[in-house]
Amino acid sequence: MSKSTEKAGSSGRFGARYGVVVRNRVRDIDKMRTSAHECPRCHRDSVSRVSSGIWECSKCDAKFAAGAYSPISKKETSEEFKAAQAAKVESEANVKTKGA
């Protein structure tokens, strides 16, 4: 029987080679790359990676270019975060002006 790779995940194939930081990085990238992502057109969790930077929805057959390991780039994520923070600050300011 082989050893369990519950902790190591997909990077268990490397064994004790390459160092723990590199193996953890590969594990996280593999997990992100192979998981289901939301389609920008039909909003279902059915987008899978065709090749590096090419993503395809299995439901609506939308094919688009995005990041190599994730269809959502870090830039988009940070812009969404900034917009959410701005909305939160604005709503807090509205609550303070109504309460005063």
Protein backbone atom coordinates (compact mmCIF):
# COMPACT_ATOMS: atom_id res chain seq x y z
CA MET A 1 0.00 0.00 0.00
CA SER A 2 1.12 3.53 -0.67
CA LYS A 3 1.37 6.25 1.90
CA SER A 4 -1.54 8.62 2.44
CA THR A 5 -1.12 12.04 0.83
CA GLU A 6 -3.92 13.80 2.69
CA LYS A 7 -1.61 16.52 3.99
CA ALA A 8 0.67 16.67 0.94
CA GLY A 9 -2.18 16.54 -1.59
CA SER A 10 -1.14 16.53 -5.23
CA SER A 11 2.43 17.44 -4.34
CA GLY A 12 2.88 14.09 -2.61
CA ARG A 13 4.22 12.81 -5.92
CA PHE A 14 7.45 14.73 -5.26
CA GLY A 15 8.24 12.89 -2.02
CA ALA A 16 10.98 14.60 -0.01
CA ARG A 17 12.40 16.47 -3.01
CA TYR A 18 12.35 20.22 -3.88
CA GLY A 19 11.62 21.63 -0.40
CA VAL A 20 8.42 22.18 1.52
CA VAL A 21 7.73 25.71 0.23
CA VAL A 22 7.86 24.66 -3.41
CA ARG A 23 5.74 21.57 -2.77
CA ASN A 24 3.11 23.62 -0.91
CA ARG A 25 3.04 26.17 -3.73
CA VAL A 26 2.52 23.41 -6.31
CA ARG A 27 -0.21 21.85 -4.14
CA ASP A 28 -2.10 25.15 -3.91
CA ILE A 29 -1.78 25.85 -7.65
CA ASP A 30 -2.96 22.34 -8.55
CA LYS A 31 -5.94 22.66 -6.22
CA MET A 32 -6.91 26.02 -7.74
CA ARG A 33 -6.29 24.84 -11.31
CA THR A 34 -8.40 21.67 -11.07
CA SER A 35 -11.33 23.01 -9.05
CA ALA A 36 -14.58 24.17 -10.68
CA HIS A 37 -14.87 27.89 -11.31
CA GLU A 38 -17.84 30.16 -12.05
CA CYS A 39 -18.60 30.90 -15.69
CA PRO A 40 -18.71 34.63 -16.49
CA ARG A 41 -21.56 34.08 -18.96
CA CYS A 42 -23.96 31.58 -17.32
CA HIS A 43 -22.67 31.88 -13.70
CA ARG A 44 -22.51 28.12 -13.10
CA ASP A 45 -19.56 26.38 -11.46
CA SER A 46 -18.58 24.51 -14.60
CA VAL A 47 -15.49 26.22 -15.98
CA SER A 48 -12.49 23.97 -16.46
CA ARG A 49 -9.00 24.55 -17.81
CA VAL A 50 -8.36 23.49 -21.40
CA SER A 51 -4.71 24.53 -21.52
CA SER A 52 -2.51 27.24 -20.05
CA GLY A 53 -4.64 30.40 -20.01
CA ILE A 54 -7.59 28.86 -21.91
CA TRP A 55 -10.79 28.14 -19.98
CA GLU A 56 -14.06 26.60 -21.15
CA CYS A 57 -17.53 26.25 -19.62
CA SER A 58 -18.94 22.76 -20.03
CA LYS A 59 -22.56 24.00 -19.82
CA CYS A 60 -22.73 26.97 -22.20
CA ASP A 61 -19.53 26.21 -24.21
CA ALA A 62 -18.10 29.67 -23.52
CA LYS A 63 -14.36 29.67 -24.21
CA PHE A 64 -12.22 32.52 -22.96
CA ALA A 65 -8.68 33.51 -22.06
CA ALA A 66 -7.72 34.22 -18.47
CA GLY A 67 -4.95 33.44 -16.02
CA ALA A 68 -2.77 30.36 -16.37
CA TYR A 69 -3.94 28.72 -13.14
CA SER A 70 -7.21 30.52 -12.38
CA PRO A 71 -9.82 32.22 -14.57
CA ILE A 72 -9.97 35.05 -12.03
CA SER A 73 -6.87 37.22 -11.93
CA LYS A 74 -5.48 38.78 -8.77
CA LYS A 75 -6.14 42.21 -10.27
CA GLU A 76 -9.88 41.49 -10.64
CA THR A 77 -10.03 40.13 -7.11
CA SER A 78 -8.30 43.19 -5.67
CA GLU A 79 -10.58 45.54 -7.62
CA GLU A 80 -13.65 43.72 -6.30
CA PHE A 81 -12.24 43.95 -2.78
CA LYS A 82 -11.57 47.68 -3.15
CA ALA A 83 -15.09 48.28 -4.47
CA ALA A 84 -16.59 46.34 -1.56
CA GLN A 85 -14.50 48.31 0.92
CA ALA A 86 -15.57 51.61 -0.68
CA ALA A 87 -19.22 50.59 -0.51
CA LYS A 88 -18.81 49.61 3.13
CA VAL A 89 -17.21 52.96 4.03
CA GLU A 90 -19.93 54.81 2.13
CA SER A 91 -22.74 52.92 3.89
CA GLU A 92 -21.12 53.58 7.29
CA ALA A 93 -20.90 57.27 6.44
CA ASN A 94 -24.59 57.30 5.47
CA VAL A 95 -25.54 55.63 8.74
CA LYS A 96 -23.52 58.19 10.75
CA THR A 97 -25.09 61.17 8.95
CA LYS A 98 -28.61 59.80 9.45
CA GLY A 99 -27.95 59.06 13.10
CA ALA A 100 -26.52 62.52 13.85
